[in-house]
Amino acid sequence: MTALFALATSLLWGLADFGGGLLTRRIPALTVVVVSQALAVLVLGSIVLATGAWTEAGPQLWYAVGAGVVGPAAMLAFYKALALGPMGVVSPLGSLGVVVPVSVGLLVGDRPGLLQFAGIAVAILGVVLAGGPELRGAPVQRQAVLLTLIAAFGFGSVMTLIAEASTTVTGLFLALFVQRVTNVLVGGGALYASVRRGGRALPEGGAGVVRAALPALAFVGLADVAANGTYAIAAQQGPVTVAAVLASLYPVVTALAARGVLKERLRAVQAAGAGLALVGTVLLATG
């Protein structure tokens, strides 16, 4: 079940990233983050009320608050890195956040077998290659690399924190709700600060563009929420090292979605990365 939930996480995160990437072509990135997360808050709030999940409030919710603070900060660093450096460098480096939960899993006692260790190595290599790293071309700004590594650490930290935020299904609903409320508060603060400095909160077409995109924004927000939930379940049911690596295959899903929907051609290195990720998945699932 760990492999199944972790792979579901990759599918959901990959589709959410693909949808978010499309939306940021028309709507400012921070607005996409804030609106999509606010829509997720409305849905999760209804679930929390319907299930009585608020009764499970406890100190562990501080992990959810931490994830809610770190998540938007990591996304902002990632977007800034994309603006400074080529996507073919930034995207693969961003996926290295998997090192954080894998390291935590090893520290707390996870001991994967030989085949699983091989699967971890092959899958991580596949994820990096699936991003289409640019091995030639102009040198990348040091600031872009630093921002990307900060974002990667943030993404990995969110995975670790949300896995610790609850031990029950209803508790998970509450933890995800708290995380999203924090996301909106932090992201909203960043958006307000950006507008005060002369940035834009609305696209050129005005609020009508945002209203028209609400279904897509809701999908992005809810897919991201669902991915956090399935990852938390995967990490609780099996080795964190296995769950984290399988959940980090989402760049492969994003690349395949771009190929299927936008007809973007996969570069040879991306195709090789997707193949290696598949091999690593098989080794992890059977090891």
C-alpha atoms as a PDB file:
ATOM      1  CA  MET A   1       0.000   0.000   0.000  1.00  0.00           C
ATOM      2  CA  THR A   2       2.940   2.353   0.589  1.00  0.00           C
ATOM      3  CA  ALA A   3       3.947   2.132  -3.069  1.00  0.00           C
ATOM      4  CA  LEU A   4       0.368   2.654  -4.260  1.00  0.00           C
ATOM      5  CA  PHE A   5      -0.230   5.779  -2.167  1.00  0.00           C
ATOM      6  CA  ALA A   6       3.220   7.185  -2.983  1.00  0.00           C
ATOM      7  CA  LEU A   7       2.692   6.705  -6.720  1.00  0.00           C
ATOM      8  CA  ALA A   8      -0.722   8.367  -6.382  1.00  0.00           C
ATOM      9  CA  THR A   9       1.134  11.284  -4.777  1.00  0.00           C
ATOM     10  CA  SER A  10       3.435  11.557  -7.786  1.00  0.00           C
ATOM     11  CA  LEU A  11       0.478  11.517 -10.161  1.00  0.00           C
ATOM     12  CA  LEU A  12      -1.378  14.239  -8.226  1.00  0.00           C
ATOM     13  CA  TRP A  13       1.680  16.466  -7.703  1.00  0.00           C
ATOM     14  CA  GLY A  14       2.683  16.069 -11.336  1.00  0.00           C
ATOM     15  CA  LEU A  15      -0.761  17.087 -12.592  1.00  0.00           C
ATOM     16  CA  ALA A  16      -0.950  19.958 -10.079  1.00  0.00           C
ATOM     17  CA  ASP A  17       2.448  21.264 -11.225  1.00  0.00           C
ATOM     18  CA  PHE A  18       1.409  20.957 -14.861  1.00  0.00           C
ATOM     19  CA  GLY A  19      -1.854  22.808 -14.223  1.00  0.00           C
ATOM     20  CA  GLY A  20      -0.132  25.449 -12.115  1.00  0.00           C
ATOM     21  CA  GLY A  21       2.492  25.946 -14.814  1.00  0.00           C
ATOM     22  CA  LEU A  22      -0.194  26.557 -17.428  1.00  0.00           C
ATOM     23  CA  LEU A  23      -2.047  29.001 -15.174  1.00  0.00           C
ATOM     24  CA  THR A  24       1.070  31.048 -14.407  1.00  0.00           C
ATOM     25  CA  ARG A  25       1.355  31.800 -18.114  1.00  0.00           C
ATOM     26  CA  ARG A  26      -1.780  33.958 -17.753  1.00  0.00           C
ATOM     27  CA  ILE A  27      -2.000  34.801 -14.038  1.00  0.00           C
ATOM     28  CA  PRO A  28       0.748  36.026 -11.641  1.00  0.00           C
ATOM     29  CA  ALA A  29       2.315  33.059  -9.848  1.00  0.00           C
ATOM     30  CA  LEU A  30       1.585  34.287  -6.311  1.00  0.00           C
ATOM     31  CA  THR A  31      -2.053  34.864  -7.243  1.00  0.00           C
ATOM     32  CA  VAL A  32      -2.268  31.289  -8.529  1.00  0.00           C
ATOM     33  CA  VAL A  33      -0.846  30.009  -5.231  1.00  0.00           C
ATOM     34  CA  VAL A  34      -3.117  32.116  -2.999  1.00  0.00           C
ATOM     35  CA  VAL A  35      -6.372  31.558  -4.925  1.00  0.00           C
ATOM     36  CA  SER A  36      -5.837  27.824  -5.450  1.00  0.00           C
ATOM     37  CA  GLN A  37      -5.008  27.306  -1.779  1.00  0.00           C
ATOM     38  CA  ALA A  38      -7.944  29.463  -0.650  1.00  0.00           C
ATOM     39  CA  LEU A  39     -10.308  27.265  -2.683  1.00  0.00           C
ATOM     40  CA  ALA A  40      -8.743  24.202  -1.051  1.00  0.00           C
ATOM     41  CA  VAL A  41      -9.329  25.779   2.379  1.00  0.00           C
ATOM     42  CA  LEU A  42     -13.066  26.062   1.639  1.00  0.00           C
ATOM     43  CA  VAL A  43     -13.314  22.374   0.707  1.00  0.00           C
ATOM     44  CA  LEU A  44     -11.162  21.161   3.593  1.00  0.00           C
ATOM     45  CA  GLY A  45     -13.028  23.372   6.051  1.00  0.00           C
ATOM     46  CA  SER A  46     -16.282  21.701   5.033  1.00  0.00           C
ATOM     47  CA  ILE A  47     -14.716  18.258   5.491  1.00  0.00           C
ATOM     48  CA  VAL A  48     -13.337  19.177   8.925  1.00  0.00           C
ATOM     49  CA  LEU A  49     -16.770  20.376  10.037  1.00  0.00           C
ATOM     50  CA  ALA A  50     -18.558  17.322   8.600  1.00  0.00           C
ATOM     51  CA  THR A  51     -16.186  14.782  10.188  1.00  0.00           C
ATOM     52  CA  GLY A  52     -15.636  16.536  13.509  1.00  0.00           C
ATOM     53  CA  ALA A  53     -11.902  16.459  12.857  1.00  0.00           C
ATOM     54  CA  TRP A  54     -11.330  19.576  14.982  1.00  0.00           C
ATOM     55  CA  THR A  55     -11.627  17.360  18.069  1.00  0.00           C
ATOM     56  CA  GLU A  56      -8.229  15.865  17.221  1.00  0.00           C
ATOM     57  CA  ALA A  57      -6.399  19.166  17.571  1.00  0.00           C
ATOM     58  CA  GLY A  58      -3.115  18.756  19.413  1.00  0.00           C
ATOM     59  CA  PRO A  59       0.551  19.785  19.497  1.00  0.00           C
ATOM     60  CA  GLN A  60       1.267  17.781  16.329  1.00  0.00           C
ATOM     61  CA  LEU A  61      -0.570  20.463  14.338  1.00  0.00           C
ATOM     62  CA  TRP A  62       2.506  22.648  14.685  1.00  0.00           C
ATOM     63  CA  TYR A  63       4.057  20.355  12.067  1.00  0.00           C
ATOM     64  CA  ALA A  64       1.212  21.370   9.723  1.00  0.00           C
ATOM     65  CA  VAL A  65       1.822  25.047  10.509  1.00  0.00           C
ATOM     66  CA  GLY A  66       5.504  24.543   9.718  1.00  0.00           C
ATOM     67  CA  ALA A  67       4.636  22.892   6.401  1.00  0.00           C
ATOM     68  CA  GLY A  68       2.275  25.767   5.643  1.00  0.00           C
ATOM     69  CA  VAL A  69       5.021  28.335   6.236  1.00  0.00           C
ATOM     70  CA  VAL A  70       7.776  26.492   4.385  1.00  0.00           C
ATOM     71  CA  GLY A  71       5.673  25.531   1.331  1.00  0.00           C
ATOM     72  CA  PRO A  72       4.942  29.027  -0.069  1.00  0.00           C
ATOM     73  CA  ALA A  73       8.493  30.168   0.730  1.00  0.00           C
ATOM     74  CA  ALA A  74       9.869  27.218  -1.244  1.00  0.00           C
ATOM     75  CA  MET A  75       7.533  27.916  -4.165  1.00  0.00           C
ATOM     76  CA  LEU A  76       8.546  31.596  -4.224  1.00  0.00           C
ATOM     77  CA  ALA A  77      12.239  30.650  -4.265  1.00  0.00           C
ATOM     78  CA  PHE A  78      11.523  28.139  -7.051  1.00  0.00           C
ATOM     79  CA  TYR A  79       9.668  30.685  -9.192  1.00  0.00           C
ATOM     80  CA  LYS A  80      12.472  33.227  -8.739  1.00  0.00           C
ATOM     81  CA  ALA A  81      15.014  30.584  -9.733  1.00  0.00           C
ATOM     82  CA  LEU A  82      13.004  29.808 -12.879  1.00  0.00           C
ATOM     83  CA  ALA A  83      13.092  33.503 -13.743  1.00  0.00           C
ATOM     84  CA  LEU A  84      16.895  33.618 -13.354  1.00  0.00           C
ATOM     85  CA  GLY A  85      18.036  30.282 -14.761  1.00  0.00           C
ATOM     86  CA  PRO A  86      17.065  27.853 -17.529  1.00  0.00           C
ATOM     87  CA  MET A  87      14.223  25.474 -16.615  1.00  0.00           C
ATOM     88  CA  GLY A  88      16.356  22.567 -17.813  1.00  0.00           C
ATOM     89  CA  VAL A  89      18.694  23.224 -14.874  1.00  0.00           C
ATOM     90  CA  VAL A  90      16.296  24.529 -12.241  1.00  0.00           C
ATOM     91  CA  SER A  91      13.653  21.792 -12.559  1.00  0.00           C
ATOM     92  CA  PRO A  92      15.971  18.786 -12.017  1.00  0.00           C
ATOM     93  CA  LEU A  93      17.740  20.494  -9.107  1.00  0.00           C
ATOM     94  CA  GLY A  94      14.379  21.252  -7.506  1.00  0.00           C
ATOM     95  CA  SER A  95      13.517  17.569  -7.439  1.00  0.00           C
ATOM     96  CA  LEU A  96      16.518  16.865  -5.194  1.00  0.00           C
ATOM     97  CA  GLY A  97      14.341  17.786  -2.210  1.00  0.00           C
ATOM     98  CA  VAL A  98      13.668  14.058  -1.885  1.00  0.00           C
ATOM     99  CA  VAL A  99      17.025  13.842  -0.080  1.00  0.00           C
ATOM    100  CA  VAL A 100      15.430  15.458   3.019  1.00  0.00           C
ATOM    101  CA  PRO A 101      12.733  12.842   3.797  1.00  0.00           C
ATOM    102  CA  VAL A 102      15.039  10.001   2.706  1.00  0.00           C
ATOM    103  CA  SER A 103      17.718  11.188   5.139  1.00  0.00           C
ATOM    104  CA  VAL A 104      15.154  11.549   7.933  1.00  0.00           C
ATOM    105  CA  GLY A 105      13.865   8.052   7.218  1.00  0.00           C
ATOM    106  CA  LEU A 106      17.354   6.586   7.474  1.00  0.00           C
ATOM    107  CA  LEU A 107      17.985   8.463  10.730  1.00  0.00           C
ATOM    108  CA  VAL A 108      14.806   7.142  12.347  1.00  0.00           C
ATOM    109  CA  GLY A 109      15.640   3.554  11.496  1.00  0.00           C
ATOM    110  CA  ASP A 110      14.452   2.755   7.957  1.00  0.00           C
ATOM    111  CA  ARG A 111      16.676   0.010   6.546  1.00  0.00           C
ATOM    112  CA  PRO A 112      15.801  -0.647   2.899  1.00  0.00           C
ATOM    113  CA  GLY A 113      17.020  -3.861   1.343  1.00  0.00           C
ATOM    114  CA  LEU A 114      19.730  -4.008  -1.318  1.00  0.00           C
ATOM    115  CA  LEU A 115      17.206  -3.915  -4.182  1.00  0.00           C
ATOM    116  CA  GLN A 116      15.427  -0.948  -2.604  1.00  0.00           C
ATOM    117  CA  PHE A 117      18.694   0.959  -2.180  1.00  0.00           C
ATOM    118  CA  ALA A 118      19.370   0.335  -5.862  1.00  0.00           C
ATOM    119  CA  GLY A 119      15.839   1.455  -6.666  1.00  0.00           C
ATOM    120  CA  ILE A 120      16.299   4.676  -4.679  1.00  0.00           C
ATOM    121  CA  ALA A 121      19.495   5.528  -6.577  1.00  0.00           C
ATOM    122  CA  VAL A 122      18.030   4.669  -9.986  1.00  0.00           C
ATOM    123  CA  ALA A 123      14.759   6.505  -9.332  1.00  0.00           C
ATOM    124  CA  ILE A 124      16.462   9.703  -8.111  1.00  0.00           C
ATOM    125  CA  LEU A 125      18.727   9.675 -11.171  1.00  0.00           C
ATOM    126  CA  GLY A 126      15.667   9.148 -13.359  1.00  0.00           C
ATOM    127  CA  VAL A 127      13.803  12.063 -11.757  1.00  0.00           C
ATOM    128  CA  VAL A 128      16.772  14.391 -12.314  1.00  0.00           C
ATOM    129  CA  LEU A 129      17.147  13.333 -15.953  1.00  0.00           C
ATOM    130  CA  ALA A 130      13.386  13.542 -16.574  1.00  0.00           C
ATOM    131  CA  GLY A 131      13.612  17.280 -15.938  1.00  0.00           C
ATOM    132  CA  GLY A 132      15.795  17.543 -19.026  1.00  0.00           C
ATOM    133  CA  PRO A 133      19.005  18.947 -17.487  1.00  0.00           C
ATOM    134  CA  GLU A 134      20.905  21.259 -19.798  1.00  0.00           C
ATOM    135  CA  LEU A 135      24.433  19.898 -19.919  1.00  0.00           C
ATOM    136  CA  ARG A 136      25.669  22.580 -22.294  1.00  0.00           C
ATOM    137  CA  GLY A 137      25.041  26.274 -22.787  1.00  0.00           C
ATOM    138  CA  ALA A 138      25.540  29.514 -20.895  1.00  0.00           C
ATOM    139  CA  PRO A 139      26.662  29.275 -17.267  1.00  0.00           C
ATOM    140  CA  VAL A 140      23.870  29.406 -14.717  1.00  0.00           C
ATOM    141  CA  GLN A 141      23.780  32.312 -12.261  1.00  0.00           C
ATOM    142  CA  ARG A 142      24.947  31.316  -8.780  1.00  0.00           C
ATOM    143  CA  GLN A 143      21.834  32.954  -7.303  1.00  0.00           C
ATOM    144  CA  ALA A 144      19.584  30.714  -9.424  1.00  0.00           C
ATOM    145  CA  VAL A 145      21.341  27.587  -8.168  1.00  0.00           C
ATOM    146  CA  LEU A 146      21.174  28.798  -4.542  1.00  0.00           C
ATOM    147  CA  LEU A 147      17.458  29.631  -4.798  1.00  0.00           C
ATOM    148  CA  THR A 148      16.741  26.254  -6.382  1.00  0.00           C
ATOM    149  CA  LEU A 149      18.543  24.370  -3.631  1.00  0.00           C
ATOM    150  CA  ILE A 150      16.628  26.409  -1.008  1.00  0.00           C
ATOM    151  CA  ALA A 151      13.377  25.498  -2.782  1.00  0.00           C
ATOM    152  CA  ALA A 152      14.372  21.825  -2.934  1.00  0.00           C
ATOM    153  CA  PHE A 153      15.126  21.786   0.793  1.00  0.00           C
ATOM    154  CA  GLY A 154      11.751  23.424   1.386  1.00  0.00           C
ATOM    155  CA  PHE A 155       9.857  20.894  -0.722  1.00  0.00           C
ATOM    156  CA  GLY A 156      11.551  18.019   1.077  1.00  0.00           C
ATOM    157  CA  SER A 157      10.852  19.613   4.458  1.00  0.00           C
ATOM    158  CA  VAL A 158       7.141  19.909   3.639  1.00  0.00           C
ATOM    159  CA  MET A 159       7.046  16.187   2.873  1.00  0.00           C
ATOM    160  CA  THR A 160       8.700  15.427   6.207  1.00  0.00           C
ATOM    161  CA  LEU A 161       6.546  17.807   8.264  1.00  0.00           C
ATOM    162  CA  ILE A 162       3.169  16.792   6.849  1.00  0.00           C
ATOM    163  CA  ALA A 163       3.964  13.115   7.474  1.00  0.00           C
ATOM    164  CA  GLU A 164       4.357  13.948  11.179  1.00  0.00           C
ATOM    165  CA  ALA A 165       1.258  16.151  11.481  1.00  0.00           C
ATOM    166  CA  SER A 166      -1.304  13.394  12.131  1.00  0.00           C
ATOM    167  CA  THR A 167      -1.774   9.716  12.900  1.00  0.00           C
ATOM    168  CA  THR A 168      -5.438   9.255  11.889  1.00  0.00           C
ATOM    169  CA  VAL A 169      -7.464   9.965   8.756  1.00  0.00           C
ATOM    170  CA  THR A 170      -9.645  12.624  10.403  1.00  0.00           C
ATOM    171  CA  GLY A 171      -6.567  14.104  12.026  1.00  0.00           C
ATOM    172  CA  LEU A 172      -5.022  14.279   8.565  1.00  0.00           C
ATOM    173  CA  PHE A 173      -7.999  16.324   7.313  1.00  0.00           C
ATOM    174  CA  LEU A 174      -7.435  18.795  10.147  1.00  0.00           C
ATOM    175  CA  ALA A 175      -3.671  18.916   9.532  1.00  0.00           C
ATOM    176  CA  LEU A 176      -4.170  19.599   5.817  1.00  0.00           C
ATOM    177  CA  PHE A 177      -6.712  22.314   6.654  1.00  0.00           C
ATOM    178  CA  VAL A 178      -4.277  24.021   9.039  1.00  0.00           C
ATOM    179  CA  GLN A 179      -1.486  23.725   6.465  1.00  0.00           C
ATOM    180  CA  ARG A 180      -3.619  25.360   3.747  1.00  0.00           C
ATOM    181  CA  VAL A 181      -4.817  28.175   6.008  1.00  0.00           C
ATOM    182  CA  THR A 182      -1.175  28.905   6.800  1.00  0.00           C
ATOM    183  CA  ASN A 183      -0.346  28.729   3.079  1.00  0.00           C
ATOM    184  CA  VAL A 184      -2.973  31.356   2.330  1.00  0.00           C
ATOM    185  CA  LEU A 185      -1.801  33.644   5.140  1.00  0.00           C
ATOM    186  CA  VAL A 186       1.864  33.404   4.149  1.00  0.00           C
ATOM    187  CA  GLY A 187       1.175  33.566   0.416  1.00  0.00           C
ATOM    188  CA  GLY A 188      -1.285  36.416   0.893  1.00  0.00           C
ATOM    189  CA  GLY A 189       1.296  38.358   2.864  1.00  0.00           C
ATOM    190  CA  ALA A 190       3.866  37.824   0.124  1.00  0.00           C
ATOM    191  CA  LEU A 191       1.344  38.915  -2.526  1.00  0.00           C
ATOM    192  CA  TYR A 192       0.488  42.068  -0.560  1.00  0.00           C
ATOM    193  CA  ALA A 193       4.184  42.897  -0.186  1.00  0.00           C
ATOM    194  CA  SER A 194       4.704  42.310  -3.910  1.00  0.00           C
ATOM    195  CA  VAL A 195       1.855  44.679  -4.816  1.00  0.00           C
ATOM    196  CA  ARG A 196       3.243  47.325  -2.438  1.00  0.00           C
ATOM    197  CA  ARG A 197       6.542  47.102  -4.356  1.00  0.00           C
ATOM    198  CA  GLY A 198       4.772  47.614  -7.683  1.00  0.00           C
ATOM    199  CA  GLY A 199       3.996  44.002  -8.597  1.00  0.00           C
ATOM    200  CA  ARG A 200       0.732  42.807 -10.120  1.00  0.00           C
ATOM    201  CA  ALA A 201      -1.945  40.777  -8.365  1.00  0.00           C
ATOM    202  CA  LEU A 202      -4.215  40.491 -11.397  1.00  0.00           C
ATOM    203  CA  PRO A 203      -3.403  39.568 -14.993  1.00  0.00           C
ATOM    204  CA  GLU A 204      -3.743  42.029 -17.853  1.00  0.00           C
ATOM    205  CA  GLY A 205      -7.342  40.937 -18.473  1.00  0.00           C
ATOM    206  CA  GLY A 206      -8.319  41.801 -14.900  1.00  0.00           C
ATOM    207  CA  ALA A 207     -10.358  39.828 -12.372  1.00  0.00           C
ATOM    208  CA  GLY A 208     -12.435  38.233 -15.125  1.00  0.00           C
ATOM    209  CA  VAL A 209      -9.462  36.103 -16.158  1.00  0.00           C
ATOM    210  CA  VAL A 210      -9.132  34.793 -12.598  1.00  0.00           C
ATOM    211  CA  ARG A 211     -12.879  34.071 -12.361  1.00  0.00           C
ATOM    212  CA  ALA A 212     -12.794  32.163 -15.634  1.00  0.00           C
ATOM    213  CA  ALA A 213      -9.861  30.100 -14.344  1.00  0.00           C
ATOM    214  CA  LEU A 214     -11.493  29.199 -10.999  1.00  0.00           C
ATOM    215  CA  PRO A 215     -12.219  25.534 -11.984  1.00  0.00           C
ATOM    216  CA  ALA A 216      -8.581  25.053 -13.010  1.00  0.00           C
ATOM    217  CA  LEU A 217      -7.359  26.844  -9.884  1.00  0.00           C
ATOM    218  CA  ALA A 218      -9.571  24.623  -7.734  1.00  0.00           C
ATOM    219  CA  PHE A 219      -8.151  21.525  -9.438  1.00  0.00           C
ATOM    220  CA  VAL A 220      -4.573  22.653  -8.765  1.00  0.00           C
ATOM    221  CA  GLY A 221      -5.298  23.411  -5.112  1.00  0.00           C
ATOM    222  CA  LEU A 222      -7.228  20.199  -4.444  1.00  0.00           C
ATOM    223  CA  ALA A 223      -4.749  17.995  -6.316  1.00  0.00           C
ATOM    224  CA  ASP A 224      -1.952  19.444  -4.203  1.00  0.00           C
ATOM    225  CA  VAL A 225      -3.958  18.822  -1.020  1.00  0.00           C
ATOM    226  CA  ALA A 226      -4.755  15.254  -2.056  1.00  0.00           C
ATOM    227  CA  ALA A 227      -1.084  14.642  -2.846  1.00  0.00           C
ATOM    228  CA  ASN A 228      -0.061  15.779   0.626  1.00  0.00           C
ATOM    229  CA  GLY A 229      -2.681  13.457   2.089  1.00  0.00           C
ATOM    230  CA  THR A 230      -1.683  10.384   0.105  1.00  0.00           C
ATOM    231  CA  TYR A 231       1.980  11.020   0.907  1.00  0.00           C
ATOM    232  CA  ALA A 232       1.256  11.255   4.637  1.00  0.00           C
ATOM    233  CA  ILE A 233      -0.565   7.907   4.469  1.00  0.00           C
ATOM    234  CA  ALA A 234       2.256   6.326   2.434  1.00  0.00           C
ATOM    235  CA  ALA A 235       4.908   7.539   4.891  1.00  0.00           C
ATOM    236  CA  GLN A 236       2.938   6.213   7.865  1.00  0.00           C
ATOM    237  CA  GLN A 237       2.284   2.781   6.370  1.00  0.00           C
ATOM    238  CA  GLY A 238       5.750   1.916   5.129  1.00  0.00           C
ATOM    239  CA  PRO A 239       9.393   2.991   5.022  1.00  0.00           C
ATOM    240  CA  VAL A 240       9.700   6.755   4.585  1.00  0.00           C
ATOM    241  CA  THR A 241      12.658   6.238   2.265  1.00  0.00           C
ATOM    242  CA  VAL A 242      10.533   4.242  -0.184  1.00  0.00           C
ATOM    243  CA  ALA A 243       7.497   6.542   0.098  1.00  0.00           C
ATOM    244  CA  ALA A 244       9.571   9.685  -0.428  1.00  0.00           C
ATOM    245  CA  VAL A 245      11.342   8.462  -3.551  1.00  0.00           C
ATOM    246  CA  LEU A 246       8.202   7.105  -5.198  1.00  0.00           C
ATOM    247  CA  ALA A 247       6.317  10.301  -4.339  1.00  0.00           C
ATOM    248  CA  SER A 248       9.081  12.354  -5.957  1.00  0.00           C
ATOM    249  CA  LEU A 249       8.500  10.922  -9.426  1.00  0.00           C
ATOM    250  CA  TYR A 250       6.124  13.808 -10.180  1.00  0.00           C
ATOM    251  CA  PRO A 251       8.511  15.564 -12.652  1.00  0.00           C
ATOM    252  CA  VAL A 252       8.055  12.500 -14.879  1.00  0.00           C
ATOM    253  CA  VAL A 253       4.264  12.946 -14.727  1.00  0.00           C
ATOM    254  CA  THR A 254       4.595  16.663 -15.528  1.00  0.00           C
ATOM    255  CA  ALA A 255       6.835  15.936 -18.515  1.00  0.00           C
ATOM    256  CA  LEU A 256       4.455  13.264 -19.825  1.00  0.00           C
ATOM    257  CA  ALA A 257       1.465  15.598 -19.344  1.00  0.00           C
ATOM    258  CA  ALA A 258       3.236  18.279 -21.354  1.00  0.00           C
ATOM    259  CA  ARG A 259       3.904  15.692 -24.044  1.00  0.00           C
ATOM    260  CA  GLY A 260       0.301  14.504 -24.147  1.00  0.00           C
ATOM    261  CA  VAL A 261      -1.528  17.837 -23.834  1.00  0.00           C
ATOM    262  CA  LEU A 262       0.853  20.416 -25.273  1.00  0.00           C
ATOM    263  CA  LYS A 263       2.519  18.020 -27.724  1.00  0.00           C
ATOM    264  CA  GLU A 264       5.921  18.960 -26.341  1.00  0.00           C
ATOM    265  CA  ARG A 265       8.575  16.560 -27.554  1.00  0.00           C
ATOM    266  CA  LEU A 266      10.547  14.751 -24.902  1.00  0.00           C
ATOM    267  CA  ARG A 267      14.291  15.187 -25.256  1.00  0.00           C
ATOM    268  CA  ALA A 268      16.373  12.026 -25.296  1.00  0.00           C
ATOM    269  CA  VAL A 269      17.632  12.688 -21.768  1.00  0.00           C
ATOM    270  CA  GLN A 270      14.032  13.082 -20.531  1.00  0.00           C
ATOM    271  CA  ALA A 271      12.938   9.825 -22.132  1.00  0.00           C
ATOM    272  CA  ALA A 272      15.921   8.078 -20.568  1.00  0.00           C
ATOM    273  CA  GLY A 273      15.046   9.617 -17.197  1.00  0.00           C
ATOM    274  CA  ALA A 274      11.441   8.428 -17.430  1.00  0.00           C
ATOM    275  CA  GLY A 275      12.677   4.921 -18.200  1.00  0.00           C
ATOM    276  CA  LEU A 276      15.103   4.910 -15.284  1.00  0.00           C
ATOM    277  CA  ALA A 277      12.382   6.214 -12.964  1.00  0.00           C
ATOM    278  CA  LEU A 278      10.190   3.313 -14.030  1.00  0.00           C
ATOM    279  CA  VAL A 279      13.003   0.823 -13.372  1.00  0.00           C
ATOM    280  CA  GLY A 280      13.620   2.394  -9.958  1.00  0.00           C
ATOM    281  CA  THR A 281       9.897   2.145  -9.159  1.00  0.00           C
ATOM    282  CA  VAL A 282       9.877  -1.569  -9.964  1.00  0.00           C
ATOM    283  CA  LEU A 283      12.935  -2.176  -7.786  1.00  0.00           C
ATOM    284  CA  LEU A 284      11.422  -0.250  -4.878  1.00  0.00           C
ATOM    285  CA  ALA A 285       8.099  -2.042  -5.143  1.00  0.00           C
ATOM    286  CA  THR A 286       9.624  -5.517  -5.335  1.00  0.00           C
ATOM    287  CA  GLY A 287      12.654  -5.058  -3.080  1.00  0.00           C
END
